[in-house]
């Protein structure tokens, strides 16, 4: 447990707050279909998530003659049309965020997901207004694992690193937390990987993470 003081808690999105892997896979496979390519499994596409959409598209096109630059507009269009078809909140997320706000903590999102898609999803699940700050791909110059998003959120909130936590499911989240000098929680239920990072805590559910604060 923390010391009871008010915290800045920064959350990742995909694999942390929302399970979006089926919509991501759907969009990738519609993009691949556009270029006459066979579909990939949901599990394979899920393994490509975490380093931003350009990395996702690049990895989804490995071994083909299609370039990332020509595929990106198609991917953007297919995903924009399927943002919330199958995407769901993980259990306990809505009530957990409400409880954290009730306890007086400051909440934020730092995600490599494109900013427009991030806003659509957060508004769809009525979470947008719970966050003091949302930084995403395209709304900040660098992506995680660079620490810039976290440092910017801390600066805007006026909260020191000692009072800040990063909560996510990927080594990119953990690395960005380490480089920003903040504590981290690794959510084991997501579809990311821990890599070589050592989080402050590991939690098996969102409710378990909420209980930390």
C-alpha atoms as a PDB file:
ATOM      1  CA  UNK A   1       0.000   0.000   0.000  1.00  0.00           C
ATOM      2  CA  UNK A   2       1.051   3.593  -0.538  1.00  0.00           C
ATOM      3  CA  UNK A   3       1.453   6.080   2.300  1.00  0.00           C
ATOM      4  CA  UNK A   4      -2.058   7.448   1.810  1.00  0.00           C
ATOM      5  CA  UNK A   5      -1.103  10.749   0.191  1.00  0.00           C
ATOM      6  CA  UNK A   6      -2.701  11.814  -3.063  1.00  0.00           C
ATOM      7  CA  UNK A   7      -1.021  10.370  -6.129  1.00  0.00           C
ATOM      8  CA  UNK A   8      -0.767  11.026  -9.840  1.00  0.00           C
ATOM      9  CA  UNK A   9      -1.653   7.704 -11.464  1.00  0.00           C
ATOM     10  CA  UNK A  10      -0.889   7.428 -15.188  1.00  0.00           C
ATOM     11  CA  UNK A  11      -2.495   4.597 -17.130  1.00  0.00           C
ATOM     12  CA  UNK A  12      -1.702   2.933 -20.407  1.00  0.00           C
ATOM     13  CA  UNK A  13      -4.783   2.216 -22.580  1.00  0.00           C
ATOM     14  CA  UNK A  14      -4.605  -0.961 -24.708  1.00  0.00           C
ATOM     15  CA  UNK A  15      -4.147  -4.021 -22.524  1.00  0.00           C
ATOM     16  CA  UNK A  16      -4.583  -1.918 -19.383  1.00  0.00           C
ATOM     17  CA  UNK A  17      -7.956  -0.156 -19.436  1.00  0.00           C
ATOM     18  CA  UNK A  18      -9.416  -1.699 -22.593  1.00  0.00           C
ATOM     19  CA  UNK A  19      -9.159  -5.022 -24.383  1.00  0.00           C
ATOM     20  CA  UNK A  20      -8.954  -3.848 -27.976  1.00  0.00           C
ATOM     21  CA  UNK A  21      -7.050  -6.722 -29.568  1.00  0.00           C
ATOM     22  CA  UNK A  22      -9.935  -8.005 -31.703  1.00  0.00           C
ATOM     23  CA  UNK A  23     -10.618  -4.591 -33.241  1.00  0.00           C
ATOM     24  CA  UNK A  24      -6.901  -4.030 -33.825  1.00  0.00           C
ATOM     25  CA  UNK A  25      -6.646  -7.410 -35.541  1.00  0.00           C
ATOM     26  CA  UNK A  26      -9.760  -6.697 -37.587  1.00  0.00           C
ATOM     27  CA  UNK A  27      -8.308  -3.410 -38.821  1.00  0.00           C
ATOM     28  CA  UNK A  28      -4.931  -4.962 -39.613  1.00  0.00           C
ATOM     29  CA  UNK A  29      -6.527  -7.781 -41.573  1.00  0.00           C
ATOM     30  CA  UNK A  30      -8.761  -5.407 -43.529  1.00  0.00           C
ATOM     31  CA  UNK A  31      -5.615  -3.458 -44.377  1.00  0.00           C
ATOM     32  CA  UNK A  32      -3.866  -6.653 -45.455  1.00  0.00           C
ATOM     33  CA  UNK A  33      -6.915  -7.682 -47.479  1.00  0.00           C
ATOM     34  CA  UNK A  34      -6.712  -4.341 -49.321  1.00  0.00           C
ATOM     35  CA  UNK A  35      -3.267  -5.392 -50.547  1.00  0.00           C
ATOM     36  CA  UNK A  36      -4.288  -8.970 -51.323  1.00  0.00           C
ATOM     37  CA  UNK A  37      -2.628 -10.451 -48.241  1.00  0.00           C
ATOM     38  CA  UNK A  38      -3.901 -13.293 -46.071  1.00  0.00           C
ATOM     39  CA  UNK A  39      -5.217 -12.505 -42.573  1.00  0.00           C
ATOM     40  CA  UNK A  40      -3.167 -12.850 -39.409  1.00  0.00           C
ATOM     41  CA  UNK A  41      -4.413 -14.411 -36.198  1.00  0.00           C
ATOM     42  CA  UNK A  42      -5.645 -12.208 -33.368  1.00  0.00           C
ATOM     43  CA  UNK A  43      -2.856 -13.615 -31.211  1.00  0.00           C
ATOM     44  CA  UNK A  44      -0.191 -12.625 -33.722  1.00  0.00           C
ATOM     45  CA  UNK A  45      -1.491  -9.080 -34.115  1.00  0.00           C
ATOM     46  CA  UNK A  46      -1.820  -8.724 -30.361  1.00  0.00           C
ATOM     47  CA  UNK A  47       1.871  -9.525 -30.042  1.00  0.00           C
ATOM     48  CA  UNK A  48       2.662  -6.533 -32.254  1.00  0.00           C
ATOM     49  CA  UNK A  49       0.873  -4.018 -30.014  1.00  0.00           C
ATOM     50  CA  UNK A  50       2.643  -1.598 -27.697  1.00  0.00           C
ATOM     51  CA  UNK A  51       5.052   0.552 -29.689  1.00  0.00           C
ATOM     52  CA  UNK A  52       2.619   2.656 -31.703  1.00  0.00           C
ATOM     53  CA  UNK A  53       0.610   2.138 -34.876  1.00  0.00           C
ATOM     54  CA  UNK A  54       3.548   2.517 -37.270  1.00  0.00           C
ATOM     55  CA  UNK A  55       5.394  -0.299 -35.516  1.00  0.00           C
ATOM     56  CA  UNK A  56       2.209  -2.403 -35.553  1.00  0.00           C
ATOM     57  CA  UNK A  57       1.775  -1.930 -39.304  1.00  0.00           C
ATOM     58  CA  UNK A  58       5.458  -2.563 -39.992  1.00  0.00           C
ATOM     59  CA  UNK A  59       5.421  -5.832 -38.110  1.00  0.00           C
ATOM     60  CA  UNK A  60       2.125  -6.876 -39.709  1.00  0.00           C
ATOM     61  CA  UNK A  61       3.707  -6.434 -43.150  1.00  0.00           C
ATOM     62  CA  UNK A  62       6.978  -8.253 -42.538  1.00  0.00           C
ATOM     63  CA  UNK A  63       7.850 -10.494 -45.459  1.00  0.00           C
ATOM     64  CA  UNK A  64       5.596  -8.634 -47.908  1.00  0.00           C
ATOM     65  CA  UNK A  65       6.363  -6.072 -50.612  1.00  0.00           C
ATOM     66  CA  UNK A  66       3.918  -3.520 -49.160  1.00  0.00           C
ATOM     67  CA  UNK A  67       5.573  -0.488 -47.581  1.00  0.00           C
ATOM     68  CA  UNK A  68       4.534   0.986 -44.273  1.00  0.00           C
ATOM     69  CA  UNK A  69       3.977   4.393 -45.851  1.00  0.00           C
ATOM     70  CA  UNK A  70       1.455   3.087 -48.365  1.00  0.00           C
ATOM     71  CA  UNK A  71      -0.277   0.944 -45.739  1.00  0.00           C
ATOM     72  CA  UNK A  72      -0.620   3.571 -42.998  1.00  0.00           C
ATOM     73  CA  UNK A  73      -3.551   5.496 -44.563  1.00  0.00           C
ATOM     74  CA  UNK A  74      -5.417   2.236 -45.170  1.00  0.00           C
ATOM     75  CA  UNK A  75      -4.779   1.075 -41.599  1.00  0.00           C
ATOM     76  CA  UNK A  76      -5.945   4.431 -40.228  1.00  0.00           C
ATOM     77  CA  UNK A  77      -9.181   4.188 -42.201  1.00  0.00           C
ATOM     78  CA  UNK A  78      -9.943   0.574 -41.305  1.00  0.00           C
ATOM     79  CA  UNK A  79      -9.267   1.096 -37.604  1.00  0.00           C
ATOM     80  CA  UNK A  80     -11.211   4.356 -37.448  1.00  0.00           C
ATOM     81  CA  UNK A  81     -14.234   2.442 -38.752  1.00  0.00           C
ATOM     82  CA  UNK A  82     -13.885  -0.331 -36.137  1.00  0.00           C
ATOM     83  CA  UNK A  83     -12.750   1.366 -32.931  1.00  0.00           C
ATOM     84  CA  UNK A  84     -15.456   0.007 -30.656  1.00  0.00           C
ATOM     85  CA  UNK A  85     -16.925  -2.987 -32.480  1.00  0.00           C
ATOM     86  CA  UNK A  86     -15.402  -5.585 -30.158  1.00  0.00           C
ATOM     87  CA  UNK A  87     -13.370  -3.471 -27.721  1.00  0.00           C
ATOM     88  CA  UNK A  88     -14.387  -3.798 -24.071  1.00  0.00           C
ATOM     89  CA  UNK A  89     -13.325  -2.422 -20.704  1.00  0.00           C
ATOM     90  CA  UNK A  90     -11.443  -4.859 -18.529  1.00  0.00           C
ATOM     91  CA  UNK A  91     -13.388  -5.937 -15.416  1.00  0.00           C
ATOM     92  CA  UNK A  92     -13.460  -3.318 -12.689  1.00  0.00           C
ATOM     93  CA  UNK A  93     -12.000  -0.479 -14.747  1.00  0.00           C
ATOM     94  CA  UNK A  94     -14.908   1.979 -14.675  1.00  0.00           C
ATOM     95  CA  UNK A  95     -15.716   1.518 -11.000  1.00  0.00           C
ATOM     96  CA  UNK A  96     -12.036   1.406 -10.115  1.00  0.00           C
ATOM     97  CA  UNK A  97     -11.275   4.712 -11.809  1.00  0.00           C
ATOM     98  CA  UNK A  98     -14.299   6.279 -10.142  1.00  0.00           C
ATOM     99  CA  UNK A  99     -13.055   5.053  -6.773  1.00  0.00           C
ATOM    100  CA  UNK A 100      -9.569   6.457  -7.355  1.00  0.00           C
ATOM    101  CA  UNK A 101     -11.063   9.824  -8.240  1.00  0.00           C
ATOM    102  CA  UNK A 102     -13.256   9.642  -5.136  1.00  0.00           C
ATOM    103  CA  UNK A 103     -10.129   9.095  -3.042  1.00  0.00           C
ATOM    104  CA  UNK A 104      -8.692  12.312  -4.471  1.00  0.00           C
ATOM    105  CA  UNK A 105      -6.030  10.925  -6.774  1.00  0.00           C
ATOM    106  CA  UNK A 106      -5.165  12.644 -10.065  1.00  0.00           C
ATOM    107  CA  UNK A 107      -5.615  10.330 -13.075  1.00  0.00           C
ATOM    108  CA  UNK A 108      -4.034  10.538 -16.521  1.00  0.00           C
ATOM    109  CA  UNK A 109      -3.462   8.440 -19.647  1.00  0.00           C
ATOM    110  CA  UNK A 110      -0.215   8.002 -21.568  1.00  0.00           C
ATOM    111  CA  UNK A 111      -0.667   5.778 -24.607  1.00  0.00           C
ATOM    112  CA  UNK A 112       1.076   5.192 -27.915  1.00  0.00           C
ATOM    113  CA  UNK A 113      -2.337   4.749 -29.546  1.00  0.00           C
ATOM    114  CA  UNK A 114      -3.218   7.579 -31.983  1.00  0.00           C
ATOM    115  CA  UNK A 115      -4.841  10.497 -30.188  1.00  0.00           C
ATOM    116  CA  UNK A 116      -8.090  10.535 -32.181  1.00  0.00           C
ATOM    117  CA  UNK A 117      -8.723   6.829 -31.568  1.00  0.00           C
ATOM    118  CA  UNK A 118      -7.834   7.262 -27.906  1.00  0.00           C
ATOM    119  CA  UNK A 119     -10.390  10.016 -27.425  1.00  0.00           C
ATOM    120  CA  UNK A 120     -13.138   8.112 -29.259  1.00  0.00           C
ATOM    121  CA  UNK A 121     -12.621   5.030 -27.088  1.00  0.00           C
ATOM    122  CA  UNK A 122     -12.408   6.914 -23.795  1.00  0.00           C
ATOM    123  CA  UNK A 123     -15.548   8.905 -24.614  1.00  0.00           C
ATOM    124  CA  UNK A 124     -17.368   5.768 -25.793  1.00  0.00           C
ATOM    125  CA  UNK A 125     -16.837   4.174 -22.381  1.00  0.00           C
ATOM    126  CA  UNK A 126     -17.542   7.459 -20.549  1.00  0.00           C
ATOM    127  CA  UNK A 127     -14.021   7.661 -19.133  1.00  0.00           C
ATOM    128  CA  UNK A 128     -12.735  10.817 -20.835  1.00  0.00           C
ATOM    129  CA  UNK A 129     -13.779  13.216 -18.094  1.00  0.00           C
ATOM    130  CA  UNK A 130     -12.123  11.135 -15.382  1.00  0.00           C
ATOM    131  CA  UNK A 131      -8.643  12.085 -16.579  1.00  0.00           C
ATOM    132  CA  UNK A 132      -6.865  15.355 -15.892  1.00  0.00           C
ATOM    133  CA  UNK A 133      -4.594  14.778 -18.898  1.00  0.00           C
ATOM    134  CA  UNK A 134      -4.513  12.392 -21.861  1.00  0.00           C
ATOM    135  CA  UNK A 135      -1.392  12.175 -24.038  1.00  0.00           C
ATOM    136  CA  UNK A 136      -1.336   9.843 -27.027  1.00  0.00           C
ATOM    137  CA  UNK A 137       0.361   9.221 -30.339  1.00  0.00           C
ATOM    138  CA  UNK A 138       0.263  12.450 -32.333  1.00  0.00           C
ATOM    139  CA  UNK A 139      -0.469  14.661 -29.334  1.00  0.00           C
ATOM    140  CA  UNK A 140       3.107  14.405 -28.043  1.00  0.00           C
ATOM    141  CA  UNK A 141       6.322  14.295 -30.120  1.00  0.00           C
ATOM    142  CA  UNK A 142       7.704  10.979 -28.787  1.00  0.00           C
ATOM    143  CA  UNK A 143       6.187   7.662 -27.793  1.00  0.00           C
ATOM    144  CA  UNK A 144       6.866   5.366 -24.861  1.00  0.00           C
ATOM    145  CA  UNK A 145       9.363   3.982 -23.863  1.00  0.00           C
ATOM    146  CA  UNK A 146      10.693   7.530 -24.069  1.00  0.00           C
ATOM    147  CA  UNK A 147       9.801   9.167 -20.729  1.00  0.00           C
ATOM    148  CA  UNK A 148       8.539  12.404 -22.315  1.00  0.00           C
ATOM    149  CA  UNK A 149       4.809  11.737 -21.988  1.00  0.00           C
ATOM    150  CA  UNK A 150       5.119  10.955 -18.305  1.00  0.00           C
ATOM    151  CA  UNK A 151       7.333  13.960 -17.611  1.00  0.00           C
ATOM    152  CA  UNK A 152       4.890  16.236 -19.456  1.00  0.00           C
ATOM    153  CA  UNK A 153       1.906  14.895 -17.513  1.00  0.00           C
ATOM    154  CA  UNK A 154       3.772  15.366 -14.238  1.00  0.00           C
ATOM    155  CA  UNK A 155       4.652  18.937 -15.205  1.00  0.00           C
ATOM    156  CA  UNK A 156       1.057  19.771 -16.129  1.00  0.00           C
ATOM    157  CA  UNK A 157      -0.273  18.226 -12.925  1.00  0.00           C
ATOM    158  CA  UNK A 158       2.413  19.815 -10.768  1.00  0.00           C
ATOM    159  CA  UNK A 159       3.176  16.460  -9.163  1.00  0.00           C
ATOM    160  CA  UNK A 160       6.648  15.190  -8.274  1.00  0.00           C
ATOM    161  CA  UNK A 161       8.053  11.873  -9.470  1.00  0.00           C
ATOM    162  CA  UNK A 162       7.932  10.584  -5.891  1.00  0.00           C
ATOM    163  CA  UNK A 163       4.125  10.877  -5.940  1.00  0.00           C
ATOM    164  CA  UNK A 164       3.608   9.430  -9.443  1.00  0.00           C
ATOM    165  CA  UNK A 165       2.840   5.892 -10.643  1.00  0.00           C
ATOM    166  CA  UNK A 166       2.646   4.392 -14.132  1.00  0.00           C
ATOM    167  CA  UNK A 167       0.213   1.493 -14.592  1.00  0.00           C
ATOM    168  CA  UNK A 168       0.504  -0.646 -17.705  1.00  0.00           C
ATOM    169  CA  UNK A 169       0.880  -4.071 -19.261  1.00  0.00           C
ATOM    170  CA  UNK A 170       3.973  -3.639 -21.400  1.00  0.00           C
ATOM    171  CA  UNK A 171       7.704  -3.209 -21.015  1.00  0.00           C
ATOM    172  CA  UNK A 172       7.322   0.114 -22.830  1.00  0.00           C
ATOM    173  CA  UNK A 173       5.231   1.371 -19.897  1.00  0.00           C
ATOM    174  CA  UNK A 174       7.719   0.071 -17.358  1.00  0.00           C
ATOM    175  CA  UNK A 175      10.737   1.477 -19.169  1.00  0.00           C
ATOM    176  CA  UNK A 176       9.139   4.899 -19.530  1.00  0.00           C
ATOM    177  CA  UNK A 177       8.334   4.836 -15.796  1.00  0.00           C
ATOM    178  CA  UNK A 178      11.903   3.900 -14.883  1.00  0.00           C
ATOM    179  CA  UNK A 179      13.367   6.595 -17.116  1.00  0.00           C
ATOM    180  CA  UNK A 180      10.947   9.183 -15.686  1.00  0.00           C
ATOM    181  CA  UNK A 181      11.908   8.189 -12.154  1.00  0.00           C
ATOM    182  CA  UNK A 182       8.426   7.036 -11.121  1.00  0.00           C
ATOM    183  CA  UNK A 183       7.067   3.814  -9.639  1.00  0.00           C
ATOM    184  CA  UNK A 184       5.220   1.306 -11.793  1.00  0.00           C
ATOM    185  CA  UNK A 185       2.598  -1.428 -11.696  1.00  0.00           C
ATOM    186  CA  UNK A 186       2.667  -4.252 -14.229  1.00  0.00           C
ATOM    187  CA  UNK A 187      -0.787  -5.674 -15.000  1.00  0.00           C
ATOM    188  CA  UNK A 188      -0.399  -9.351 -15.752  1.00  0.00           C
ATOM    189  CA  UNK A 189      -3.806  -9.682 -17.439  1.00  0.00           C
ATOM    190  CA  UNK A 190      -2.862  -7.490 -20.406  1.00  0.00           C
ATOM    191  CA  UNK A 191      -1.317  -8.647 -23.651  1.00  0.00           C
ATOM    192  CA  UNK A 192       2.041  -6.948 -23.287  1.00  0.00           C
ATOM    193  CA  UNK A 193       5.283  -8.315 -21.923  1.00  0.00           C
ATOM    194  CA  UNK A 194       7.475  -7.406 -18.991  1.00  0.00           C
ATOM    195  CA  UNK A 195      10.728  -7.772 -20.918  1.00  0.00           C
ATOM    196  CA  UNK A 196      13.857  -6.924 -18.936  1.00  0.00           C
ATOM    197  CA  UNK A 197      12.071  -4.393 -16.727  1.00  0.00           C
ATOM    198  CA  UNK A 198      11.390  -4.745 -13.000  1.00  0.00           C
ATOM    199  CA  UNK A 199       8.134  -3.062 -11.947  1.00  0.00           C
ATOM    200  CA  UNK A 200       7.542  -1.803  -8.434  1.00  0.00           C
ATOM    201  CA  UNK A 201       4.494  -4.079  -8.157  1.00  0.00           C
ATOM    202  CA  UNK A 202       2.651  -6.708 -10.179  1.00  0.00           C
ATOM    203  CA  UNK A 203      -1.146  -6.969 -10.079  1.00  0.00           C
ATOM    204  CA  UNK A 204      -3.365  -9.659 -11.550  1.00  0.00           C
ATOM    205  CA  UNK A 205      -6.509  -7.517 -11.804  1.00  0.00           C
ATOM    206  CA  UNK A 206      -7.486  -3.871 -12.059  1.00  0.00           C
ATOM    207  CA  UNK A 207      -9.158  -4.099  -8.659  1.00  0.00           C
ATOM    208  CA  UNK A 208      -5.865  -5.251  -7.168  1.00  0.00           C
ATOM    209  CA  UNK A 209      -4.122  -2.203  -8.648  1.00  0.00           C
ATOM    210  CA  UNK A 210      -6.808   0.120  -7.279  1.00  0.00           C
ATOM    211  CA  UNK A 211      -6.290  -1.357  -3.817  1.00  0.00           C
ATOM    212  CA  UNK A 212      -2.660  -0.187  -3.888  1.00  0.00           C
ATOM    213  CA  UNK A 213      -3.881   3.409  -3.595  1.00  0.00           C
END
